[in-house]
Amino acid sequence: MKKYTEVPSTQIQQAPGPILDRVFRGETIMLTRYGRPYVLLSPPPTETPAGESQASGG
């Protein structure tokens, strides 16, 4: 089961804006070169607001 969309590397060379826009919206994209996986572009990590922590204190 794939968790990414495959995009040929030539497509990002011709029009990088729309592909990077999709990544920043949360989509994971695998750039392929000659039909093989080459580079995985994943969304940036989400930051938690200041003052909140992952662990709950007791």
N, C-alpha and C. Protein backbone atom coordinates (compact mmCIF):
# COMPACT_ATOMS: atom_id res chain seq x y z
N MET A 1 0.85 -1.19 0.00
CA MET A 1 0.00 0.00 0.00
C MET A 1 0.89 1.25 0.00
N LYS A 2 0.76 2.04 -1.05
CA LYS A 2 1.55 3.27 -1.15
C LYS A 2 0.92 4.37 -0.30
N LYS A 3 1.78 5.16 0.30
CA LYS A 3 1.32 6.31 1.06
C LYS A 3 1.82 7.60 0.42
N TYR A 4 2.12 7.51 -0.88
CA TYR A 4 2.62 8.68 -1.60
C TYR A 4 2.14 8.63 -3.05
N THR A 5 2.27 9.78 -3.72
CA THR A 5 1.92 9.90 -5.13
C THR A 5 3.22 9.94 -5.92
N GLU A 6 3.31 9.15 -6.98
CA GLU A 6 4.52 9.15 -7.81
C GLU A 6 4.42 10.23 -8.88
N VAL A 7 5.50 11.00 -9.03
CA VAL A 7 5.57 12.07 -10.01
C VAL A 7 6.92 11.96 -10.71
N PRO A 8 6.96 11.99 -12.04
CA PRO A 8 8.25 11.93 -12.75
C PRO A 8 9.10 13.17 -12.43
N SER A 9 10.41 12.97 -12.32
CA SER A 9 11.29 14.09 -11.99
C SER A 9 11.25 15.19 -13.04
N THR A 10 10.96 14.83 -14.29
CA THR A 10 10.88 15.86 -15.33
C THR A 10 9.73 16.82 -15.07
N GLN A 11 8.68 16.35 -14.41
CA GLN A 11 7.53 17.21 -14.14
C GLN A 11 7.88 18.31 -13.14
N ILE A 12 8.70 18.01 -12.14
CA ILE A 12 9.09 19.05 -11.18
C ILE A 12 10.10 20.01 -11.79
N GLN A 13 10.85 19.54 -12.79
CA GLN A 13 11.79 20.43 -13.49
C GLN A 13 11.03 21.44 -14.33
N GLN A 14 9.92 21.04 -14.90
CA GLN A 14 9.15 21.92 -15.78
C GLN A 14 8.25 22.87 -14.99
N ALA A 15 7.65 22.40 -13.90
CA ALA A 15 6.73 23.22 -13.12
C ALA A 15 6.81 22.84 -11.65
N PRO A 16 7.81 23.35 -10.92
CA PRO A 16 7.97 22.95 -9.51
C PRO A 16 6.91 23.52 -8.58
N GLY A 17 6.36 24.67 -8.90
CA GLY A 17 5.40 25.33 -8.02
C GLY A 17 4.21 24.48 -7.62
N PRO A 18 3.45 23.95 -8.58
CA PRO A 18 2.28 23.15 -8.22
C PRO A 18 2.61 21.90 -7.40
N ILE A 19 3.75 21.27 -7.68
CA ILE A 19 4.12 20.07 -6.93
C ILE A 19 4.50 20.44 -5.50
N LEU A 20 5.30 21.47 -5.33
CA LEU A 20 5.68 21.90 -3.98
C LEU A 20 4.47 22.39 -3.20
N ASP A 21 3.52 23.00 -3.88
CA ASP A 21 2.29 23.45 -3.23
C ASP A 21 1.53 22.25 -2.66
N ARG A 22 1.47 21.16 -3.42
CA ARG A 22 0.80 19.94 -2.96
C ARG A 22 1.50 19.38 -1.72
N VAL A 23 2.83 19.43 -1.71
CA VAL A 23 3.60 18.93 -0.56
C VAL A 23 3.30 19.77 0.67
N PHE A 24 3.31 21.09 0.53
CA PHE A 24 3.06 21.96 1.66
C PHE A 24 1.62 21.88 2.17
N ARG A 25 0.71 21.35 1.36
CA ARG A 25 -0.68 21.13 1.80
C ARG A 25 -0.83 19.80 2.53
N GLY A 26 0.22 18.97 2.53
CA GLY A 26 0.18 17.74 3.29
C GLY A 26 0.30 16.46 2.49
N GLU A 27 0.49 16.55 1.18
CA GLU A 27 0.61 15.36 0.35
C GLU A 27 2.07 14.91 0.28
N THR A 28 2.31 13.62 0.36
CA THR A 28 3.65 13.07 0.23
C THR A 28 3.84 12.63 -1.22
N ILE A 29 4.95 13.06 -1.82
CA ILE A 29 5.20 12.80 -3.24
C ILE A 29 6.55 12.11 -3.41
N MET A 30 6.56 11.06 -4.22
CA MET A 30 7.79 10.36 -4.57
C MET A 30 8.17 10.76 -5.99
N LEU A 31 9.31 11.42 -6.13
CA LEU A 31 9.80 11.75 -7.47
C LEU A 31 10.47 10.50 -8.03
N THR A 32 10.15 10.18 -9.27
CA THR A 32 10.74 9.01 -9.90
C THR A 32 11.70 9.46 -11.00
N ARG A 33 12.73 8.66 -11.19
CA ARG A 33 13.69 8.91 -12.26
C ARG A 33 13.83 7.61 -13.03
N TYR A 34 13.54 7.66 -14.31
CA TYR A 34 13.53 6.46 -15.15
C TYR A 34 12.59 5.40 -14.59
N GLY A 35 11.49 5.84 -13.98
CA GLY A 35 10.49 4.92 -13.45
C GLY A 35 10.80 4.32 -12.10
N ARG A 36 11.91 4.72 -11.50
CA ARG A 36 12.29 4.19 -10.20
C ARG A 36 12.21 5.27 -9.13
N PRO A 37 11.87 4.90 -7.89
CA PRO A 37 11.83 5.89 -6.81
C PRO A 37 13.17 6.59 -6.67
N TYR A 38 13.13 7.91 -6.51
CA TYR A 38 14.35 8.70 -6.49
C TYR A 38 14.43 9.59 -5.25
N VAL A 39 13.40 10.43 -5.04
CA VAL A 39 13.38 11.36 -3.92
C VAL A 39 11.98 11.40 -3.32
N LEU A 40 11.89 11.34 -1.99
CA LEU A 40 10.61 11.44 -1.31
C LEU A 40 10.46 12.85 -0.75
N LEU A 41 9.41 13.54 -1.17
CA LEU A 41 9.09 14.87 -0.66
C LEU A 41 7.93 14.71 0.32
N SER A 42 8.16 15.08 1.58
CA SER A 42 7.11 14.95 2.58
C SER A 42 6.81 16.32 3.18
N PRO A 43 5.60 16.48 3.70
CA PRO A 43 5.22 17.77 4.28
C PRO A 43 6.10 18.11 5.48
N PRO A 44 6.27 19.41 5.75
CA PRO A 44 7.05 19.80 6.92
C PRO A 44 6.33 19.37 8.20
N PRO A 45 7.07 19.15 9.28
CA PRO A 45 6.42 18.75 10.53
C PRO A 45 5.54 19.88 11.07
N THR A 46 4.47 19.49 11.72
CA THR A 46 3.59 20.51 12.32
C THR A 46 4.13 20.83 13.71
N GLU A 47 4.11 22.10 14.03
CA GLU A 47 4.62 22.53 15.33
C GLU A 47 3.47 22.64 16.32
N THR A 48 3.75 22.28 17.57
CA THR A 48 2.74 22.45 18.61
C THR A 48 2.84 23.87 19.13
N PRO A 49 1.71 24.48 19.49
CA PRO A 49 1.75 25.84 20.02
C PRO A 49 2.58 25.90 21.30
N ALA A 50 3.17 27.06 21.56
CA ALA A 50 4.01 27.25 22.74
C ALA A 50 3.19 27.00 24.00
N GLY A 51 3.79 26.35 24.98
CA GLY A 51 3.10 26.08 26.23
C GLY A 51 2.47 24.69 26.26
N GLU A 52 2.28 24.07 25.13
CA GLU A 52 1.73 22.72 25.11
C GLU A 52 2.87 21.72 24.95
N SER A 53 2.74 20.58 25.59
CA SER A 53 3.76 19.55 25.46
C SER A 53 3.12 18.25 25.07
N GLN A 54 3.91 17.34 24.55
CA GLN A 54 3.41 16.04 24.12
C GLN A 54 3.03 15.18 25.33
N ALA A 55 3.82 15.24 26.38
CA ALA A 55 3.56 14.42 27.56
C ALA A 55 2.75 15.22 28.58
N SER A 56 1.86 14.52 29.25
CA SER A 56 1.08 15.20 30.29
C SER A 56 1.78 15.01 31.63
N GLY A 57 1.90 16.10 32.36
CA GLY A 57 2.57 16.04 33.67
C GLY A 57 1.57 15.67 34.77
N GLY A 58 2.09 15.19 35.88
CA GLY A 58 1.17 14.76 36.92
C GLY A 58 1.53 15.21 38.27
